[in-house]
mmCIF file of all heavy atoms, coordinates in Angstrom:
data_MODEL
# 
_entry.id   MODEL 
# 
loop_
_atom_site.group_PDB 
_atom_site.id 
_atom_site.type_symbol 
_atom_site.label_atom_id 
_atom_site.label_alt_id 
_atom_site.label_comp_id 
_atom_site.label_asym_id 
_atom_site.label_entity_id 
_atom_site.label_seq_id 
_atom_site.pdbx_PDB_ins_code 
_atom_site.Cartn_x 
_atom_site.Cartn_y 
_atom_site.Cartn_z 
_atom_site.occupancy 
_atom_site.B_iso_or_equiv 
_atom_site.pdbx_formal_charge 
_atom_site.auth_seq_id 
_atom_site.auth_comp_id 
_atom_site.auth_asym_id 
_atom_site.auth_atom_id 
_atom_site.pdbx_PDB_model_num 
ATOM 1   N N   . ARG A 1 1  ? 23.121 24.353 0.775   1.00 0.00 ? 1  ARG A N   1 
ATOM 2   C CA  . ARG A 1 1  ? 22.670 25.188 1.922   1.00 0.00 ? 1  ARG A CA  1 
ATOM 3   C C   . ARG A 1 1  ? 21.495 24.579 2.577   1.00 0.00 ? 1  ARG A C   1 
ATOM 4   O O   . ARG A 1 1  ? 21.403 24.549 3.812   1.00 0.00 ? 1  ARG A O   1 
ATOM 5   C CB  . ARG A 1 1  ? 22.406 26.622 1.469   1.00 0.00 ? 1  ARG A CB  1 
ATOM 6   C CG  . ARG A 1 1  ? 21.950 27.546 2.587   1.00 0.00 ? 1  ARG A CG  1 
ATOM 7   C CD  . ARG A 1 1  ? 21.614 28.915 2.085   1.00 0.00 ? 1  ARG A CD  1 
ATOM 8   N NE  . ARG A 1 1  ? 22.846 29.648 1.680   1.00 0.00 ? 1  ARG A NE  1 
ATOM 9   C CZ  . ARG A 1 1  ? 22.988 30.149 0.451   1.00 0.00 ? 1  ARG A CZ  1 
ATOM 10  N NH1 . ARG A 1 1  ? 22.079 30.032 -0.459  1.00 0.00 ? 1  ARG A NH1 1 
ATOM 11  N NH2 . ARG A 1 1  ? 24.130 30.842 0.194   1.00 0.00 ? 1  ARG A NH2 1 
ATOM 12  N N   . ALA A 1 2  ? 20.519 24.106 1.790   1.00 0.00 ? 2  ALA A N   1 
ATOM 13  C CA  . ALA A 1 2  ? 19.288 23.497 2.404   1.00 0.00 ? 2  ALA A CA  1 
ATOM 14  C C   . ALA A 1 2  ? 19.638 22.277 3.156   1.00 0.00 ? 2  ALA A C   1 
ATOM 15  O O   . ALA A 1 2  ? 19.092 22.037 4.270   1.00 0.00 ? 2  ALA A O   1 
ATOM 16  C CB  . ALA A 1 2  ? 18.319 23.230 1.281   1.00 0.00 ? 2  ALA A CB  1 
ATOM 17  N N   . CYS A 1 3  ? 20.495 21.428 2.616   1.00 0.00 ? 3  CYS A N   1 
ATOM 18  C CA  . CYS A 1 3  ? 20.876 20.192 3.269   1.00 0.00 ? 3  CYS A CA  1 
ATOM 19  C C   . CYS A 1 3  ? 21.616 20.473 4.610   1.00 0.00 ? 3  CYS A C   1 
ATOM 20  O O   . CYS A 1 3  ? 21.435 19.785 5.597   1.00 0.00 ? 3  CYS A O   1 
ATOM 21  C CB  . CYS A 1 3  ? 21.726 19.300 2.342   1.00 0.00 ? 3  CYS A CB  1 
ATOM 22  S SG  . CYS A 1 3  ? 20.793 18.605 0.919   1.00 0.00 ? 3  CYS A SG  1 
ATOM 23  N N   . ALA A 1 4  ? 22.536 21.449 4.536   1.00 0.00 ? 4  ALA A N   1 
ATOM 24  C CA  . ALA A 1 4  ? 23.294 21.827 5.719   1.00 0.00 ? 4  ALA A CA  1 
ATOM 25  C C   . ALA A 1 4  ? 22.399 22.389 6.808   1.00 0.00 ? 4  ALA A C   1 
ATOM 26  O O   . ALA A 1 4  ? 22.498 22.086 7.987   1.00 0.00 ? 4  ALA A O   1 
ATOM 27  C CB  . ALA A 1 4  ? 24.394 22.825 5.380   1.00 0.00 ? 4  ALA A CB  1 
ATOM 28  N N   . ALA A 1 5  ? 21.435 23.190 6.401   1.00 0.00 ? 5  ALA A N   1 
ATOM 29  C CA  . ALA A 1 5  ? 20.419 23.721 7.324   1.00 0.00 ? 5  ALA A CA  1 
ATOM 30  C C   . ALA A 1 5  ? 19.599 22.648 7.981   1.00 0.00 ? 5  ALA A C   1 
ATOM 31  O O   . ALA A 1 5  ? 19.324 22.629 9.196   1.00 0.00 ? 5  ALA A O   1 
ATOM 32  C CB  . ALA A 1 5  ? 19.564 24.806 6.699   1.00 0.00 ? 5  ALA A CB  1 
ATOM 33  N N   . ASP A 1 6  ? 19.216 21.669 7.147   1.00 0.00 ? 6  ASP A N   1 
ATOM 34  C CA  . ASP A 1 6  ? 18.409 20.536 7.691   1.00 0.00 ? 6  ASP A CA  1 
ATOM 35  C C   . ASP A 1 6  ? 19.168 19.764 8.686   1.00 0.00 ? 6  ASP A C   1 
ATOM 36  O O   . ASP A 1 6  ? 18.641 19.391 9.730   1.00 0.00 ? 6  ASP A O   1 
ATOM 37  C CB  . ASP A 1 6  ? 18.005 19.695 6.460   1.00 0.00 ? 6  ASP A CB  1 
ATOM 38  C CG  . ASP A 1 6  ? 17.219 18.455 6.886   1.00 0.00 ? 6  ASP A CG  1 
ATOM 39  O OD1 . ASP A 1 6  ? 16.113 18.611 7.448   1.00 0.00 ? 6  ASP A OD1 1 
ATOM 40  O OD2 . ASP A 1 6  ? 17.683 17.308 6.642   1.00 0.00 ? 6  ASP A OD2 1 
ATOM 41  N N   . GLU A 1 7  ? 20.490 19.586 8.416   1.00 0.00 ? 7  GLU A N   1 
ATOM 42  C CA  . GLU A 1 7  ? 21.292 18.768 9.341   1.00 0.00 ? 7  GLU A CA  1 
ATOM 43  C C   . GLU A 1 7  ? 21.523 19.547 10.632  1.00 0.00 ? 7  GLU A C   1 
ATOM 44  O O   . GLU A 1 7  ? 21.724 18.959 11.712  1.00 0.00 ? 7  GLU A O   1 
ATOM 45  C CB  . GLU A 1 7  ? 22.603 18.440 8.708   1.00 0.00 ? 7  GLU A CB  1 
ATOM 46  C CG  . GLU A 1 7  ? 22.480 17.477 7.518   1.00 0.00 ? 7  GLU A CG  1 
ATOM 47  C CD  . GLU A 1 7  ? 23.825 17.247 6.822   1.00 0.00 ? 7  GLU A CD  1 
ATOM 48  O OE1 . GLU A 1 7  ? 24.821 17.868 7.256   1.00 0.00 ? 7  GLU A OE1 1 
ATOM 49  O OE2 . GLU A 1 7  ? 23.879 16.463 5.878   1.00 0.00 ? 7  GLU A OE2 1 
ATOM 50  N N   . ALA A 1 8  ? 21.436 20.863 10.522  1.00 0.00 ? 8  ALA A N   1 
ATOM 51  C CA  . ALA A 1 8  ? 21.639 21.722 11.734  1.00 0.00 ? 8  ALA A CA  1 
ATOM 52  C C   . ALA A 1 8  ? 20.303 21.903 12.564  1.00 0.00 ? 8  ALA A C   1 
ATOM 53  O O   . ALA A 1 8  ? 20.313 22.620 13.538  1.00 0.00 ? 8  ALA A O   1 
ATOM 54  C CB  . ALA A 1 8  ? 22.205 23.109 11.304  1.00 0.00 ? 8  ALA A CB  1 
ATOM 55  N N   . GLY A 1 9  ? 19.280 21.239 12.122  1.00 0.00 ? 9  GLY A N   1 
ATOM 56  C CA  . GLY A 1 9  ? 18.035 21.337 12.857  1.00 0.00 ? 9  GLY A CA  1 
ATOM 57  C C   . GLY A 1 9  ? 17.092 22.442 12.414  1.00 0.00 ? 9  GLY A C   1 
ATOM 58  O O   . GLY A 1 9  ? 16.019 22.659 13.090  1.00 0.00 ? 9  GLY A O   1 
ATOM 59  N N   . VAL A 1 10 ? 17.384 23.122 11.294  1.00 0.00 ? 10 VAL A N   1 
ATOM 60  C CA  . VAL A 1 10 ? 16.488 24.135 10.801  1.00 0.00 ? 10 VAL A CA  1 
ATOM 61  C C   . VAL A 1 10 ? 15.298 23.434 10.101  1.00 0.00 ? 10 VAL A C   1 
ATOM 62  O O   . VAL A 1 10 ? 15.468 22.402 9.497   1.00 0.00 ? 10 VAL A O   1 
ATOM 63  C CB  . VAL A 1 10 ? 17.196 25.058 9.816   1.00 0.00 ? 10 VAL A CB  1 
ATOM 64  C CG1 . VAL A 1 10 ? 16.263 26.069 9.147   1.00 0.00 ? 10 VAL A CG1 1 
ATOM 65  C CG2 . VAL A 1 10 ? 18.396 25.754 10.469  1.00 0.00 ? 10 VAL A CG2 1 
ATOM 66  N N   . SER A 1 11 ? 14.106 24.005 10.235  1.00 0.00 ? 11 SER A N   1 
ATOM 67  C CA  . SER A 1 11 ? 12.944 23.462 9.559   1.00 0.00 ? 11 SER A CA  1 
ATOM 68  C C   . SER A 1 11 ? 13.003 23.936 8.122   1.00 0.00 ? 11 SER A C   1 
ATOM 69  O O   . SER A 1 11 ? 12.842 25.109 7.810   1.00 0.00 ? 11 SER A O   1 
ATOM 70  C CB  . SER A 1 11 ? 11.669 23.984 10.216  1.00 0.00 ? 11 SER A CB  1 
ATOM 71  O OG  . SER A 1 11 ? 11.512 23.482 11.536  1.00 0.00 ? 11 SER A OG  1 
ATOM 72  N N   . VAL A 1 12 ? 13.318 23.001 7.227   1.00 0.00 ? 12 VAL A N   1 
ATOM 73  C CA  . VAL A 1 12 ? 13.463 23.356 5.780   1.00 0.00 ? 12 VAL A CA  1 
ATOM 74  C C   . VAL A 1 12 ? 12.262 22.932 5.010   1.00 0.00 ? 12 VAL A C   1 
ATOM 75  O O   . VAL A 1 12 ? 11.805 21.778 5.056   1.00 0.00 ? 12 VAL A O   1 
ATOM 76  C CB  . VAL A 1 12 ? 14.720 22.650 5.184   1.00 0.00 ? 12 VAL A CB  1 
ATOM 77  C CG1 . VAL A 1 12 ? 14.866 22.920 3.713   1.00 0.00 ? 12 VAL A CG1 1 
ATOM 78  C CG2 . VAL A 1 12 ? 15.965 23.016 5.986   1.00 0.00 ? 12 VAL A CG2 1 
ATOM 79  N N   . TYR A 1 13 ? 11.679 23.911 4.292   1.00 0.00 ? 13 TYR A N   1 
ATOM 80  C CA  . TYR A 1 13 ? 10.496 23.659 3.416   1.00 0.00 ? 13 TYR A CA  1 
ATOM 81  C C   . TYR A 1 13 ? 10.926 23.869 1.986   1.00 0.00 ? 13 TYR A C   1 
ATOM 82  O O   . TYR A 1 13 ? 11.438 24.930 1.611   1.00 0.00 ? 13 TYR A O   1 
ATOM 83  C CB  . TYR A 1 13 ? 9.350  24.646 3.776   1.00 0.00 ? 13 TYR A CB  1 
ATOM 84  C CG  . TYR A 1 13 ? 8.753  24.445 5.096   1.00 0.00 ? 13 TYR A CG  1 
ATOM 85  C CD1 . TYR A 1 13 ? 9.310  25.036 6.247   1.00 0.00 ? 13 TYR A CD1 1 
ATOM 86  C CD2 . TYR A 1 13 ? 7.629  23.664 5.321   1.00 0.00 ? 13 TYR A CD2 1 
ATOM 87  C CE1 . TYR A 1 13 ? 8.789  24.860 7.495   1.00 0.00 ? 13 TYR A CE1 1 
ATOM 88  C CE2 . TYR A 1 13 ? 7.059  23.494 6.580   1.00 0.00 ? 13 TYR A CE2 1 
ATOM 89  C CZ  . TYR A 1 13 ? 7.661  24.092 7.672   1.00 0.00 ? 13 TYR A CZ  1 
ATOM 90  O OH  . TYR A 1 13 ? 7.085  23.900 8.905   1.00 0.00 ? 13 TYR A OH  1 
ATOM 91  N N   . ALA A 1 14 ? 10.754 22.828 1.198   1.00 0.00 ? 14 ALA A N   1 
ATOM 92  C CA  . ALA A 1 14 ? 11.054 22.906 -0.237  1.00 0.00 ? 14 ALA A CA  1 
ATOM 93  C C   . ALA A 1 14 ? 9.825  23.249 -1.040  1.00 0.00 ? 14 ALA A C   1 
ATOM 94  O O   . ALA A 1 14 ? 8.801  22.533 -0.938  1.00 0.00 ? 14 ALA A O   1 
ATOM 95  C CB  . ALA A 1 14 ? 11.639 21.587 -0.741  1.00 0.00 ? 14 ALA A CB  1 
ATOM 96  N N   . HIS A 1 15 ? 9.883  24.376 -1.750  1.00 0.00 ? 15 HIS A N   1 
ATOM 97  C CA  . HIS A 1 15 ? 8.678  24.842 -2.462  1.00 0.00 ? 15 HIS A CA  1 
ATOM 98  C C   . HIS A 1 15 ? 8.885  24.667 -3.971  1.00 0.00 ? 15 HIS A C   1 
ATOM 99  O O   . HIS A 1 15 ? 9.750  25.268 -4.544  1.00 0.00 ? 15 HIS A O   1 
ATOM 100 C CB  . HIS A 1 15 ? 8.460  26.319 -2.156  1.00 0.00 ? 15 HIS A CB  1 
ATOM 101 C CG  . HIS A 1 15 ? 7.076  26.799 -2.549  1.00 0.00 ? 15 HIS A CG  1 
ATOM 102 N ND1 . HIS A 1 15 ? 6.223  27.434 -1.657  1.00 0.00 ? 15 HIS A ND1 1 
ATOM 103 C CD2 . HIS A 1 15 ? 6.382  26.731 -3.669  1.00 0.00 ? 15 HIS A CD2 1 
ATOM 104 C CE1 . HIS A 1 15 ? 5.096  27.719 -2.249  1.00 0.00 ? 15 HIS A CE1 1 
ATOM 105 N NE2 . HIS A 1 15 ? 5.169  27.305 -3.481  1.00 0.00 ? 15 HIS A NE2 1 
ATOM 106 N N   . ASN A 1 16 ? 8.063  23.867 -4.550  1.00 0.00 ? 16 ASN A N   1 
ATOM 107 C CA  . ASN A 1 16 ? 8.099  23.697 -6.061  1.00 0.00 ? 16 ASN A CA  1 
ATOM 108 C C   . ASN A 1 16 ? 7.667  24.978 -6.672  1.00 0.00 ? 16 ASN A C   1 
ATOM 109 O O   . ASN A 1 16 ? 6.570  25.476 -6.481  1.00 0.00 ? 16 ASN A O   1 
ATOM 110 C CB  . ASN A 1 16 ? 7.160  22.517 -6.441  1.00 0.00 ? 16 ASN A CB  1 
ATOM 111 C CG  . ASN A 1 16 ? 7.322  22.124 -7.871  1.00 0.00 ? 16 ASN A CG  1 
ATOM 112 O OD1 . ASN A 1 16 ? 7.665  22.923 -8.729  1.00 0.00 ? 16 ASN A OD1 1 
ATOM 113 N ND2 . ASN A 1 16 ? 7.008  20.861 -8.172  1.00 0.00 ? 16 ASN A ND2 1 
ATOM 114 N N   . LEU A 1 17 ? 8.536  25.549 -7.533  1.00 0.00 ? 17 LEU A N   1 
ATOM 115 C CA  . LEU A 1 17 ? 8.282  26.845 -8.125  1.00 0.00 ? 17 LEU A CA  1 
ATOM 116 C C   . LEU A 1 17 ? 7.487  26.791 -9.389  1.00 0.00 ? 17 LEU A C   1 
ATOM 117 O O   . LEU A 1 17 ? 7.216  27.828 -9.993  1.00 0.00 ? 17 LEU A O   1 
ATOM 118 C CB  . LEU A 1 17 ? 9.636  27.604 -8.368  1.00 0.00 ? 17 LEU A CB  1 
ATOM 119 C CG  . LEU A 1 17 ? 10.373 27.977 -7.054  1.00 0.00 ? 17 LEU A CG  1 
ATOM 120 C CD1 . LEU A 1 17 ? 11.676 28.680 -7.409  1.00 0.00 ? 17 LEU A CD1 1 
ATOM 121 C CD2 . LEU A 1 17 ? 9.537  28.825 -6.163  1.00 0.00 ? 17 LEU A CD2 1 
ATOM 122 N N   . SER A 1 18 ? 7.062  25.633 -9.821  1.00 0.00 ? 18 SER A N   1 
ATOM 123 C CA  . SER A 1 18 ? 6.164  25.520 -10.935 1.00 0.00 ? 18 SER A CA  1 
ATOM 124 C C   . SER A 1 18 ? 4.846  26.135 -10.603 1.00 0.00 ? 18 SER A C   1 
ATOM 125 O O   . SER A 1 18 ? 4.300  25.817 -9.495  1.00 0.00 ? 18 SER A O   1 
ATOM 126 C CB  . SER A 1 18 ? 5.991  24.074 -11.413 1.00 0.00 ? 18 SER A CB  1 
ATOM 127 O OG  . SER A 1 18 ? 5.064  23.917 -12.439 1.00 0.00 ? 18 SER A OG  1 
ATOM 128 N N   . ALA A 1 19 ? 4.271  26.986 -11.443 1.00 0.00 ? 19 ALA A N   1 
ATOM 129 C CA  . ALA A 1 19 ? 3.087  27.724 -11.049 1.00 0.00 ? 19 ALA A CA  1 
ATOM 130 C C   . ALA A 1 19 ? 1.908  26.874 -10.660 1.00 0.00 ? 19 ALA A C   1 
ATOM 131 O O   . ALA A 1 19 ? 1.154  27.184 -9.713  1.00 0.00 ? 19 ALA A O   1 
ATOM 132 C CB  . ALA A 1 19 ? 2.684  28.697 -12.179 1.00 0.00 ? 19 ALA A CB  1 
ATOM 133 N N   . LEU A 1 20 ? 1.740  25.710 -11.302 1.00 0.00 ? 20 LEU A N   1 
ATOM 134 C CA  . LEU A 1 20 ? 0.596  24.882 -11.056 1.00 0.00 ? 20 LEU A CA  1 
ATOM 135 C C   . LEU A 1 20 ? 0.914  23.665 -10.232 1.00 0.00 ? 20 LEU A C   1 
ATOM 136 O O   . LEU A 1 20 ? 0.103  22.748 -10.123 1.00 0.00 ? 20 LEU A O   1 
ATOM 137 C CB  . LEU A 1 20 ? -0.062 24.456 -12.392 1.00 0.00 ? 20 LEU A CB  1 
ATOM 138 C CG  . LEU A 1 20 ? -0.497 25.563 -13.301 1.00 0.00 ? 20 LEU A CG  1 
ATOM 139 C CD1 . LEU A 1 20 ? -1.133 24.982 -14.565 1.00 0.00 ? 20 LEU A CD1 1 
ATOM 140 C CD2 . LEU A 1 20 ? -1.447 26.464 -12.601 1.00 0.00 ? 20 LEU A CD2 1 
ATOM 141 N N   . ALA A 1 21 ? 2.115  23.644 -9.568  1.00 0.00 ? 21 ALA A N   1 
ATOM 142 C CA  . ALA A 1 21 ? 2.489  22.494 -8.778  1.00 0.00 ? 21 ALA A CA  1 
ATOM 143 C C   . ALA A 1 21 ? 1.552  22.299 -7.561  1.00 0.00 ? 21 ALA A C   1 
ATOM 144 O O   . ALA A 1 21 ? 1.151  23.302 -6.931  1.00 0.00 ? 21 ALA A O   1 
ATOM 145 C CB  . ALA A 1 21 ? 3.925  22.670 -8.307  1.00 0.00 ? 21 ALA A CB  1 
ATOM 146 N N   . LEU A 1 22 ? 1.250  21.029 -7.265  1.00 0.00 ? 22 LEU A N   1 
ATOM 147 C CA  . LEU A 1 22 ? 0.521  20.738 -6.082  1.00 0.00 ? 22 LEU A CA  1 
ATOM 148 C C   . LEU A 1 22 ? 1.341  20.115 -4.961  1.00 0.00 ? 22 LEU A C   1 
ATOM 149 O O   . LEU A 1 22 ? 0.925  19.981 -3.857  1.00 0.00 ? 22 LEU A O   1 
ATOM 150 C CB  . LEU A 1 22 ? -0.632 19.753 -6.434  1.00 0.00 ? 22 LEU A CB  1 
ATOM 151 C CG  . LEU A 1 22 ? -1.613 20.231 -7.437  1.00 0.00 ? 22 LEU A CG  1 
ATOM 152 C CD1 . LEU A 1 22 ? -2.657 19.098 -7.749  1.00 0.00 ? 22 LEU A CD1 1 
ATOM 153 C CD2 . LEU A 1 22 ? -2.373 21.458 -6.852  1.00 0.00 ? 22 LEU A CD2 1 
ATOM 154 N N   . GLN A 1 23 ? 2.593  19.793 -5.321  1.00 0.00 ? 23 GLN A N   1 
ATOM 155 C CA  . GLN A 1 23 ? 3.532  19.192 -4.339  1.00 0.00 ? 23 GLN A CA  1 
ATOM 156 C C   . GLN A 1 23 ? 4.911  19.215 -4.922  1.00 0.00 ? 23 GLN A C   1 
ATOM 157 O O   . GLN A 1 23 ? 5.151  19.599 -6.097  1.00 0.00 ? 23 GLN A O   1 
ATOM 158 C CB  . GLN A 1 23 ? 3.107  17.751 -4.064  1.00 0.00 ? 23 GLN A CB  1 
ATOM 159 C CG  . GLN A 1 23 ? 3.158  16.824 -5.279  1.00 0.00 ? 23 GLN A CG  1 
ATOM 160 C CD  . GLN A 1 23 ? 2.670  15.392 -5.020  1.00 0.00 ? 23 GLN A CD  1 
ATOM 161 O OE1 . GLN A 1 23 ? 2.082  15.181 -3.962  1.00 0.00 ? 23 GLN A OE1 1 
ATOM 162 N NE2 . GLN A 1 23 ? 2.889  14.522 -5.917  1.00 0.00 ? 23 GLN A NE2 1 
ATOM 163 N N   . TRP A 1 24 ? 5.888  18.844 -4.109  1.00 0.00 ? 24 TRP A N   1 
ATOM 164 C CA  . TRP A 1 24 ? 7.287  18.749 -4.521  1.00 0.00 ? 24 TRP A CA  1 
ATOM 165 C C   . TRP A 1 24 ? 7.415  17.510 -5.448  1.00 0.00 ? 24 TRP A C   1 
ATOM 166 O O   . TRP A 1 24 ? 6.824  16.465 -5.175  1.00 0.00 ? 24 TRP A O   1 
ATOM 167 C CB  . TRP A 1 24 ? 8.201  18.662 -3.301  1.00 0.00 ? 24 TRP A CB  1 
ATOM 168 C CG  . TRP A 1 24 ? 9.618  18.604 -3.706  1.00 0.00 ? 24 TRP A CG  1 
ATOM 169 C CD1 . TRP A 1 24 ? 10.468 17.508 -3.828  1.00 0.00 ? 24 TRP A CD1 1 
ATOM 170 C CD2 . TRP A 1 24 ? 10.437 19.760 -4.026  1.00 0.00 ? 24 TRP A CD2 1 
ATOM 171 N NE1 . TRP A 1 24 ? 11.716 17.863 -4.182  1.00 0.00 ? 24 TRP A NE1 1 
ATOM 172 C CE2 . TRP A 1 24 ? 11.756 19.267 -4.288  1.00 0.00 ? 24 TRP A CE2 1 
ATOM 173 C CE3 . TRP A 1 24 ? 10.232 21.093 -4.033  1.00 0.00 ? 24 TRP A CE3 1 
ATOM 174 C CZ2 . TRP A 1 24 ? 12.776 20.112 -4.621  1.00 0.00 ? 24 TRP A CZ2 1 
ATOM 175 C CZ3 . TRP A 1 24 ? 11.272 21.945 -4.361  1.00 0.00 ? 24 TRP A CZ3 1 
ATOM 176 C CH2 . TRP A 1 24 ? 12.544 21.485 -4.687  1.00 0.00 ? 24 TRP A CH2 1 
ATOM 177 N N   . ASP A 1 25 ? 8.193  17.684 -6.480  1.00 0.00 ? 25 ASP A N   1 
ATOM 178 C CA  . ASP A 1 25 ? 8.452  16.493 -7.350  1.00 0.00 ? 25 ASP A CA  1 
ATOM 179 C C   . ASP A 1 25 ? 9.531  15.617 -6.803  1.00 0.00 ? 25 ASP A C   1 
ATOM 180 O O   . ASP A 1 25 ? 10.673 16.096 -6.677  1.00 0.00 ? 25 ASP A O   1 
ATOM 181 C CB  . ASP A 1 25 ? 8.847  16.989 -8.788  1.00 0.00 ? 25 ASP A CB  1 
ATOM 182 C CG  . ASP A 1 25 ? 7.657  17.694 -9.483  1.00 0.00 ? 25 ASP A CG  1 
ATOM 183 O OD1 . ASP A 1 25 ? 6.534  17.350 -9.231  1.00 0.00 ? 25 ASP A OD1 1 
ATOM 184 O OD2 . ASP A 1 25 ? 7.942  18.505 -10.380 1.00 0.00 ? 25 ASP A OD2 1 
ATOM 185 N N   . GLY A 1 26 ? 9.243  14.399 -6.441  1.00 0.00 ? 26 GLY A N   1 
ATOM 186 C CA  . GLY A 1 26 ? 10.213 13.459 -5.978  1.00 0.00 ? 26 GLY A CA  1 
ATOM 187 C C   . GLY A 1 26 ? 10.318 13.497 -4.431  1.00 0.00 ? 26 GLY A C   1 
ATOM 188 O O   . GLY A 1 26 ? 9.575  14.144 -3.741  1.00 0.00 ? 26 GLY A O   1 
ATOM 189 N N   . ASP A 1 27 ? 11.303 12.680 -3.984  1.00 0.00 ? 27 ASP A N   1 
ATOM 190 C CA  . ASP A 1 27 ? 11.522 12.605 -2.508  1.00 0.00 ? 27 ASP A CA  1 
ATOM 191 C C   . ASP A 1 27 ? 12.421 13.721 -2.039  1.00 0.00 ? 27 ASP A C   1 
ATOM 192 O O   . ASP A 1 27 ? 13.202 14.282 -2.757  1.00 0.00 ? 27 ASP A O   1 
ATOM 193 C CB  . ASP A 1 27 ? 12.189 11.220 -2.183  1.00 0.00 ? 27 ASP A CB  1 
ATOM 194 C CG  . ASP A 1 27 ? 11.308 10.070 -2.567  1.00 0.00 ? 27 ASP A CG  1 
ATOM 195 O OD1 . ASP A 1 27 ? 10.074 10.247 -2.491  1.00 0.00 ? 27 ASP A OD1 1 
ATOM 196 O OD2 . ASP A 1 27 ? 11.866 9.026  -2.951  1.00 0.00 ? 27 ASP A OD2 1 
# 
């Protein structure tokens, strides 16, 4: 769903759900 939305021009934000995360893990 996220990939399809991204391809459709939706601004997709991936949120790392680890409590102490400072950023998304990986590309």
